[in-house]
Amino acid sequence: MSKRSSKQNNYPFYWLDELAEVTLNPDKTIIEDIKPEELQTICERLPEEFSRISVCLKTQAFCLYHTDQLKVVAGHYDQAIRVLQQQAQINLVQYPEGGPLRNTGKMLLDGLNELYENIRQRYSHYLLENPPDDPEDRALFKVLCRLSVDQIAIILKAADDIKLVVSRSFSLVLRRVIPFLSTERLKNFSWKSARSSTYKMEANDKEVAIHTLEALIDKIREY
């Protein structure tokens, strides 16, 4: 048996992991090159995968007699799904609006959310950590920033330019940070919209960014 086959047999999330982390991940794949028929094949397989994983957990749980063992197994599934939810959400906000790619990404995330909810309900006694209250934010916990998208982008651009944050590119900084932020006006916004705002910075946005950073400096001096 090959190493690849062994991993598939031992890790129930192997295919979903490859899908979220590689195949549909804009950081690792040129998603524009994915053909519509490939996306259709993925969509057709997703329900089967979610069903298989659910049955796999039921089978493992049925064979275990000790509560501690059940807690470990249920916890492993719970953690694996949450990691995949987060990556699927990060991917989704980078896809263009509409089209088969976004539909596929949404189908993946919706399926993960449903699987997560089902496992939480069925094995609640073995999962100590309580899930988030808002089902829309279950896959990804966002931080509200009281700045506009343009102002956030200016601050991140400056941080990248002075190497306060270090990454391969400014675009990658935005890809990693933006999915975790929301503004008072926008719950979700794309890293591309943030990047485009740095091409021509408005004077007012720069003033707000400067004022915000000065307020941070004043607060730090008070500590």
C-alpha atoms as a PDB file:
ATOM      1  CA  MET A   1       0.000   0.000   0.000  1.00  0.00           C
ATOM      2  CA  SER A   2       1.382   3.429  -0.947  1.00  0.00           C
ATOM      3  CA  LYS A   3       1.888   6.198   1.612  1.00  0.00           C
ATOM      4  CA  ARG A   4      -0.863   8.205  -0.091  1.00  0.00           C
ATOM      5  CA  SER A   5      -3.370   5.322   0.214  1.00  0.00           C
ATOM      6  CA  SER A   6      -2.374   4.810   3.853  1.00  0.00           C
ATOM      7  CA  LYS A   7      -3.080   8.457   4.663  1.00  0.00           C
ATOM      8  CA  GLN A   8      -6.458   8.266   2.959  1.00  0.00           C
ATOM      9  CA  ASN A   9      -7.423   5.212   4.982  1.00  0.00           C
ATOM     10  CA  ASN A  10      -6.227   6.594   8.328  1.00  0.00           C
ATOM     11  CA  TYR A  11      -7.416  10.190   7.996  1.00  0.00           C
ATOM     12  CA  PRO A  12     -11.153  10.580   7.233  1.00  0.00           C
ATOM     13  CA  PHE A  13     -10.701  14.200   6.114  1.00  0.00           C
ATOM     14  CA  TYR A  14      -7.937  13.496   3.607  1.00  0.00           C
ATOM     15  CA  TRP A  15      -9.869  14.517   0.476  1.00  0.00           C
ATOM     16  CA  LEU A  16     -11.566  17.520   2.097  1.00  0.00           C
ATOM     17  CA  ASP A  17      -8.214  18.632   3.492  1.00  0.00           C
ATOM     18  CA  GLU A  18      -6.609  18.486   0.037  1.00  0.00           C
ATOM     19  CA  LEU A  19      -9.601  20.330  -1.389  1.00  0.00           C
ATOM     20  CA  ALA A  20      -9.608  23.214   1.101  1.00  0.00           C
ATOM     21  CA  GLU A  21      -5.881  23.509   1.693  1.00  0.00           C
ATOM     22  CA  VAL A  22      -4.626  23.019  -1.873  1.00  0.00           C
ATOM     23  CA  THR A  23      -7.103  22.579  -4.731  1.00  0.00           C
ATOM     24  CA  LEU A  24      -9.386  25.532  -3.856  1.00  0.00           C
ATOM     25  CA  ASN A  25      -6.763  27.590  -2.023  1.00  0.00           C
ATOM     26  CA  PRO A  26      -5.773  30.708  -4.053  1.00  0.00           C
ATOM     27  CA  ASP A  27      -2.454  30.838  -2.196  1.00  0.00           C
ATOM     28  CA  LYS A  28      -1.424  27.423  -3.531  1.00  0.00           C
ATOM     29  CA  THR A  29      -3.381  26.986  -6.758  1.00  0.00           C
ATOM     30  CA  ILE A  30      -4.115  29.184  -9.764  1.00  0.00           C
ATOM     31  CA  ILE A  31      -7.842  28.950  -9.213  1.00  0.00           C
ATOM     32  CA  GLU A  32      -8.610  30.633 -12.531  1.00  0.00           C
ATOM     33  CA  ASP A  33      -7.262  27.495 -14.244  1.00  0.00           C
ATOM     34  CA  ILE A  34      -9.766  25.173 -12.563  1.00  0.00           C
ATOM     35  CA  LYS A  35     -12.187  23.992 -15.234  1.00  0.00           C
ATOM     36  CA  PRO A  36     -15.982  24.119 -14.717  1.00  0.00           C
ATOM     37  CA  GLU A  37     -16.231  20.353 -15.177  1.00  0.00           C
ATOM     38  CA  GLU A  38     -13.670  19.844 -12.389  1.00  0.00           C
ATOM     39  CA  LEU A  39     -15.741  22.032 -10.078  1.00  0.00           C
ATOM     40  CA  GLN A  40     -18.854  20.081 -11.044  1.00  0.00           C
ATOM     41  CA  THR A  41     -17.108  16.838 -10.130  1.00  0.00           C
ATOM     42  CA  ILE A  42     -16.157  18.320  -6.749  1.00  0.00           C
ATOM     43  CA  CYS A  43     -19.741  19.439  -6.089  1.00  0.00           C
ATOM     44  CA  GLU A  44     -21.049  15.973  -6.927  1.00  0.00           C
ATOM     45  CA  ARG A  45     -18.585  14.316  -4.545  1.00  0.00           C
ATOM     46  CA  LEU A  46     -19.026  16.647  -1.567  1.00  0.00           C
ATOM     47  CA  PRO A  47     -22.317  15.179  -0.219  1.00  0.00           C
ATOM     48  CA  GLU A  48     -20.814  11.687  -0.412  1.00  0.00           C
ATOM     49  CA  GLU A  49     -17.734  12.802   1.544  1.00  0.00           C
ATOM     50  CA  PHE A  50     -19.734  14.476   4.300  1.00  0.00           C
ATOM     51  CA  SER A  51     -21.929  11.390   4.638  1.00  0.00           C
ATOM     52  CA  ARG A  52     -18.902   9.091   4.726  1.00  0.00           C
ATOM     53  CA  ILE A  53     -17.223  11.117   7.480  1.00  0.00           C
ATOM     54  CA  SER A  54     -20.405  11.125   9.558  1.00  0.00           C
ATOM     55  CA  VAL A  55     -20.701   7.339   9.245  1.00  0.00           C
ATOM     56  CA  CYS A  56     -17.008   6.939  10.032  1.00  0.00           C
ATOM     57  CA  LEU A  57     -17.384   8.810  13.312  1.00  0.00           C
ATOM     58  CA  LYS A  58     -20.511   6.831  14.246  1.00  0.00           C
ATOM     59  CA  THR A  59     -18.662   3.580  13.567  1.00  0.00           C
ATOM     60  CA  GLN A  60     -15.674   4.598  15.660  1.00  0.00           C
ATOM     61  CA  ALA A  61     -17.888   5.836  18.490  1.00  0.00           C
ATOM     62  CA  PHE A  62     -19.886   2.594  18.468  1.00  0.00           C
ATOM     63  CA  CYS A  63     -16.715   0.558  18.963  1.00  0.00           C
ATOM     64  CA  LEU A  64     -15.537   2.598  21.950  1.00  0.00           C
ATOM     65  CA  TYR A  65     -16.716   1.865  25.464  1.00  0.00           C
ATOM     66  CA  HIS A  66     -14.849   4.408  27.550  1.00  0.00           C
ATOM     67  CA  THR A  67     -15.976   8.025  27.848  1.00  0.00           C
ATOM     68  CA  ASP A  68     -12.406   9.300  27.705  1.00  0.00           C
ATOM     69  CA  GLN A  69     -11.870   7.547  24.367  1.00  0.00           C
ATOM     70  CA  LEU A  70     -15.088   8.989  22.966  1.00  0.00           C
ATOM     71  CA  LYS A  71     -14.000  12.469  24.049  1.00  0.00           C
ATOM     72  CA  VAL A  72     -10.688  12.096  22.231  1.00  0.00           C
ATOM     73  CA  VAL A  73     -12.243  10.839  18.987  1.00  0.00           C
ATOM     74  CA  ALA A  74     -15.077  13.387  18.956  1.00  0.00           C
ATOM     75  CA  GLY A  75     -12.569  16.105  19.785  1.00  0.00           C
ATOM     76  CA  HIS A  76     -10.360  15.124  16.852  1.00  0.00           C
ATOM     77  CA  TYR A  77     -13.283  15.350  14.433  1.00  0.00           C
ATOM     78  CA  ASP A  78     -14.432  18.630  15.942  1.00  0.00           C
ATOM     79  CA  GLN A  79     -10.979  20.195  15.631  1.00  0.00           C
ATOM     80  CA  ALA A  80     -10.436  18.934  12.086  1.00  0.00           C
ATOM     81  CA  ILE A  81     -13.742  20.394  10.921  1.00  0.00           C
ATOM     82  CA  ARG A  82     -13.043  23.770  12.526  1.00  0.00           C
ATOM     83  CA  VAL A  83      -9.666  24.010  10.807  1.00  0.00           C
ATOM     84  CA  LEU A  84     -11.277  23.186   7.458  1.00  0.00           C
ATOM     85  CA  GLN A  85     -14.083  25.693   8.101  1.00  0.00           C
ATOM     86  CA  GLN A  86     -11.552  28.438   8.676  1.00  0.00           C
ATOM     87  CA  GLN A  87      -9.555  27.634   5.531  1.00  0.00           C
ATOM     88  CA  ALA A  88     -12.726  27.336   3.435  1.00  0.00           C
ATOM     89  CA  GLN A  89     -13.871  30.762   4.653  1.00  0.00           C
ATOM     90  CA  ILE A  90     -10.485  32.315   3.895  1.00  0.00           C
ATOM     91  CA  ASN A  91     -10.659  30.832   0.401  1.00  0.00           C
ATOM     92  CA  LEU A  92     -14.225  31.948  -0.199  1.00  0.00           C
ATOM     93  CA  VAL A  93     -13.631  35.652   0.426  1.00  0.00           C
ATOM     94  CA  GLN A  94     -10.946  35.593  -2.282  1.00  0.00           C
ATOM     95  CA  TYR A  95     -13.166  34.156  -5.001  1.00  0.00           C
ATOM     96  CA  PRO A  96     -14.826  36.418  -7.590  1.00  0.00           C
ATOM     97  CA  GLU A  97     -18.512  37.127  -7.039  1.00  0.00           C
ATOM     98  CA  GLY A  98     -20.815  34.616  -8.680  1.00  0.00           C
ATOM     99  CA  GLY A  99     -19.764  31.766 -10.939  1.00  0.00           C
ATOM    100  CA  PRO A 100     -19.060  28.037 -10.365  1.00  0.00           C
ATOM    101  CA  LEU A 101     -15.922  28.590  -8.260  1.00  0.00           C
ATOM    102  CA  ARG A 102     -17.725  30.643  -5.633  1.00  0.00           C
ATOM    103  CA  ASN A 103     -20.672  28.236  -5.693  1.00  0.00           C
ATOM    104  CA  THR A 104     -18.299  25.330  -5.082  1.00  0.00           C
ATOM    105  CA  GLY A 105     -16.551  27.168  -2.247  1.00  0.00           C
ATOM    106  CA  LYS A 106     -19.887  28.011  -0.643  1.00  0.00           C
ATOM    107  CA  MET A 107     -21.083  24.424  -0.983  1.00  0.00           C
ATOM    108  CA  LEU A 108     -17.923  23.229   0.764  1.00  0.00           C
ATOM    109  CA  LEU A 109     -18.304  25.720   3.608  1.00  0.00           C
ATOM    110  CA  ASP A 110     -22.042  25.063   4.021  1.00  0.00           C
ATOM    111  CA  GLY A 111     -21.383  21.319   4.152  1.00  0.00           C
ATOM    112  CA  LEU A 112     -18.667  21.762   6.769  1.00  0.00           C
ATOM    113  CA  ASN A 113     -20.946  23.988   8.842  1.00  0.00           C
ATOM    114  CA  GLU A 114     -23.747  21.407   8.699  1.00  0.00           C
ATOM    115  CA  LEU A 115     -21.388  18.564   9.595  1.00  0.00           C
ATOM    116  CA  TYR A 116     -20.004  20.632  12.475  1.00  0.00           C
ATOM    117  CA  GLU A 117     -23.507  21.309  13.801  1.00  0.00           C
ATOM    118  CA  ASN A 118     -24.544  17.659  13.531  1.00  0.00           C
ATOM    119  CA  ILE A 119     -21.479  16.450  15.410  1.00  0.00           C
ATOM    120  CA  ARG A 120     -21.945  19.123  18.049  1.00  0.00           C
ATOM    121  CA  GLN A 121     -25.532  18.026  18.629  1.00  0.00           C
ATOM    122  CA  ARG A 122     -24.883  14.281  18.597  1.00  0.00           C
ATOM    123  CA  TYR A 123     -21.719  14.321  20.723  1.00  0.00           C
ATOM    124  CA  SER A 124     -22.337  17.396  22.878  1.00  0.00           C
ATOM    125  CA  HIS A 125     -21.639  15.413  26.063  1.00  0.00           C
ATOM    126  CA  TYR A 126     -18.136  14.627  24.842  1.00  0.00           C
ATOM    127  CA  LEU A 127     -17.225  18.090  23.580  1.00  0.00           C
ATOM    128  CA  LEU A 128     -16.438  20.468  26.402  1.00  0.00           C
ATOM    129  CA  GLU A 129     -15.954  23.649  24.426  1.00  0.00           C
ATOM    130  CA  ASN A 130     -19.123  25.569  23.543  1.00  0.00           C
ATOM    131  CA  PRO A 131     -19.512  26.635  19.897  1.00  0.00           C
ATOM    132  CA  PRO A 132     -20.015  30.282  18.894  1.00  0.00           C
ATOM    133  CA  ASP A 133     -23.618  31.569  19.109  1.00  0.00           C
ATOM    134  CA  ASP A 134     -23.760  33.118  15.659  1.00  0.00           C
ATOM    135  CA  PRO A 135     -23.867  30.334  13.031  1.00  0.00           C
ATOM    136  CA  GLU A 136     -22.688  32.725  10.309  1.00  0.00           C
ATOM    137  CA  ASP A 137     -19.488  33.436  12.224  1.00  0.00           C
ATOM    138  CA  ARG A 138     -18.910  29.874  13.413  1.00  0.00           C
ATOM    139  CA  ALA A 139     -16.308  29.182  10.751  1.00  0.00           C
ATOM    140  CA  LEU A 140     -14.323  32.310  11.327  1.00  0.00           C
ATOM    141  CA  PHE A 141     -14.161  34.722  14.262  1.00  0.00           C
ATOM    142  CA  LYS A 142     -13.905  38.272  12.968  1.00  0.00           C
ATOM    143  CA  VAL A 143     -12.628  41.370  14.740  1.00  0.00           C
ATOM    144  CA  LEU A 144     -14.514  44.629  14.237  1.00  0.00           C
ATOM    145  CA  CYS A 145     -12.190  47.469  13.241  1.00  0.00           C
ATOM    146  CA  ARG A 146     -13.555  51.012  13.502  1.00  0.00           C
ATOM    147  CA  LEU A 147     -11.783  52.156  10.366  1.00  0.00           C
ATOM    148  CA  SER A 148     -12.799  52.031   6.729  1.00  0.00           C
ATOM    149  CA  VAL A 149     -11.392  49.458   4.321  1.00  0.00           C
ATOM    150  CA  ASP A 150      -9.161  52.138   2.782  1.00  0.00           C
ATOM    151  CA  GLN A 151      -7.814  53.212   6.171  1.00  0.00           C
ATOM    152  CA  ILE A 152      -7.104  49.645   7.228  1.00  0.00           C
ATOM    153  CA  ALA A 153      -5.250  49.078   3.965  1.00  0.00           C
ATOM    154  CA  ILE A 154      -3.093  52.175   4.482  1.00  0.00           C
ATOM    155  CA  ILE A 155      -1.981  51.009   7.930  1.00  0.00           C
ATOM    156  CA  LEU A 156      -1.253  47.484   6.708  1.00  0.00           C
ATOM    157  CA  LYS A 157       0.643  48.887   3.719  1.00  0.00           C
ATOM    158  CA  ALA A 158       2.829  50.985   6.022  1.00  0.00           C
ATOM    159  CA  ALA A 159       3.419  47.977   8.288  1.00  0.00           C
ATOM    160  CA  ASP A 160       4.520  45.959   5.268  1.00  0.00           C
ATOM    161  CA  ASP A 161       6.774  48.720   3.911  1.00  0.00           C
ATOM    162  CA  ILE A 162       8.690  49.151   7.177  1.00  0.00           C
ATOM    163  CA  LYS A 163       8.820  45.354   7.613  1.00  0.00           C
ATOM    164  CA  LEU A 164       6.827  45.405  10.831  1.00  0.00           C
ATOM    165  CA  VAL A 165       5.084  42.422   9.298  1.00  0.00           C
ATOM    166  CA  VAL A 166       7.151  40.156   7.078  1.00  0.00           C
ATOM    167  CA  SER A 167       5.724  38.131   4.217  1.00  0.00           C
ATOM    168  CA  ARG A 168       6.499  37.263   0.623  1.00  0.00           C
ATOM    169  CA  SER A 169       4.314  40.106  -0.622  1.00  0.00           C
ATOM    170  CA  PHE A 170       1.873  42.782   0.474  1.00  0.00           C
ATOM    171  CA  SER A 171      -0.913  40.847  -1.238  1.00  0.00           C
ATOM    172  CA  LEU A 172      -0.174  37.834   0.963  1.00  0.00           C
ATOM    173  CA  VAL A 173      -0.315  40.033   4.078  1.00  0.00           C
ATOM    174  CA  LEU A 174      -3.789  41.178   3.017  1.00  0.00           C
ATOM    175  CA  ARG A 175      -4.897  37.648   2.181  1.00  0.00           C
ATOM    176  CA  ARG A 176      -3.952  36.462   5.654  1.00  0.00           C
ATOM    177  CA  VAL A 177      -5.288  39.419   7.651  1.00  0.00           C
ATOM    178  CA  ILE A 178      -8.373  40.737   5.834  1.00  0.00           C
ATOM    179  CA  PRO A 179     -10.557  37.608   6.260  1.00  0.00           C
ATOM    180  CA  PHE A 180     -10.406  38.131  10.020  1.00  0.00           C
ATOM    181  CA  LEU A 181     -11.560  41.768   9.932  1.00  0.00           C
ATOM    182  CA  SER A 182     -14.889  43.506   9.519  1.00  0.00           C
ATOM    183  CA  THR A 183     -15.800  47.193   9.531  1.00  0.00           C
ATOM    184  CA  GLU A 184     -18.866  48.993  10.814  1.00  0.00           C
ATOM    185  CA  ARG A 185     -20.165  49.125   7.236  1.00  0.00           C
ATOM    186  CA  LEU A 186     -18.917  45.817   5.845  1.00  0.00           C
ATOM    187  CA  LYS A 187     -19.021  42.447   7.533  1.00  0.00           C
ATOM    188  CA  ASN A 188     -17.027  40.957   4.668  1.00  0.00           C
ATOM    189  CA  PHE A 189     -14.702  42.618   2.192  1.00  0.00           C
ATOM    190  CA  SER A 190     -12.052  41.231  -0.101  1.00  0.00           C
ATOM    191  CA  TRP A 191      -8.300  41.598   0.172  1.00  0.00           C
ATOM    192  CA  LYS A 192      -8.309  42.778  -3.449  1.00  0.00           C
ATOM    193  CA  SER A 193     -10.509  45.759  -2.617  1.00  0.00           C
ATOM    194  CA  ALA A 194      -8.141  46.647   0.218  1.00  0.00           C
ATOM    195  CA  ARG A 195      -5.132  46.362  -2.074  1.00  0.00           C
ATOM    196  CA  SER A 196      -6.699  48.521  -4.792  1.00  0.00           C
ATOM    197  CA  SER A 197      -7.297  51.324  -2.302  1.00  0.00           C
ATOM    198  CA  THR A 198      -3.537  51.640  -1.713  1.00  0.00           C
ATOM    199  CA  TYR A 199      -2.870  52.509  -5.357  1.00  0.00           C
ATOM    200  CA  LYS A 200      -4.288  55.996  -4.808  1.00  0.00           C
ATOM    201  CA  MET A 201      -4.596  56.974  -1.160  1.00  0.00           C
ATOM    202  CA  GLU A 202      -7.049  59.727  -0.293  1.00  0.00           C
ATOM    203  CA  ALA A 203      -5.726  62.526   1.926  1.00  0.00           C
ATOM    204  CA  ASN A 204      -8.600  62.151   4.387  1.00  0.00           C
ATOM    205  CA  ASP A 205      -7.960  58.425   4.795  1.00  0.00           C
ATOM    206  CA  LYS A 206      -4.275  59.075   5.460  1.00  0.00           C
ATOM    207  CA  GLU A 207      -5.178  61.676   8.091  1.00  0.00           C
ATOM    208  CA  VAL A 208      -7.514  59.247   9.853  1.00  0.00           C
ATOM    209  CA  ALA A 209      -4.829  56.540   9.770  1.00  0.00           C
ATOM    210  CA  ILE A 210      -2.247  58.942  11.197  1.00  0.00           C
ATOM    211  CA  HIS A 211      -4.660  60.121  13.915  1.00  0.00           C
ATOM    212  CA  THR A 212      -5.390  56.500  14.852  1.00  0.00           C
ATOM    213  CA  LEU A 213      -1.710  55.630  15.136  1.00  0.00           C
ATOM    214  CA  GLU A 214      -1.046  58.757  17.190  1.00  0.00           C
ATOM    215  CA  ALA A 215      -3.846  57.740  19.540  1.00  0.00           C
ATOM    216  CA  LEU A 216      -2.181  54.339  19.927  1.00  0.00           C
ATOM    217  CA  ILE A 217       1.161  56.012  20.700  1.00  0.00           C
ATOM    218  CA  ASP A 218      -0.480  58.221  23.344  1.00  0.00           C
ATOM    219  CA  LYS A 219      -2.135  55.196  24.932  1.00  0.00           C
ATOM    220  CA  ILE A 220       1.122  53.223  25.014  1.00  0.00           C
ATOM    221  CA  ARG A 221       2.836  56.161  26.729  1.00  0.00           C
ATOM    222  CA  GLU A 222       0.167  56.032  29.439  1.00  0.00           C
ATOM    223  CA  TYR A 223       0.954  52.410  30.325  1.00  0.00           C
END
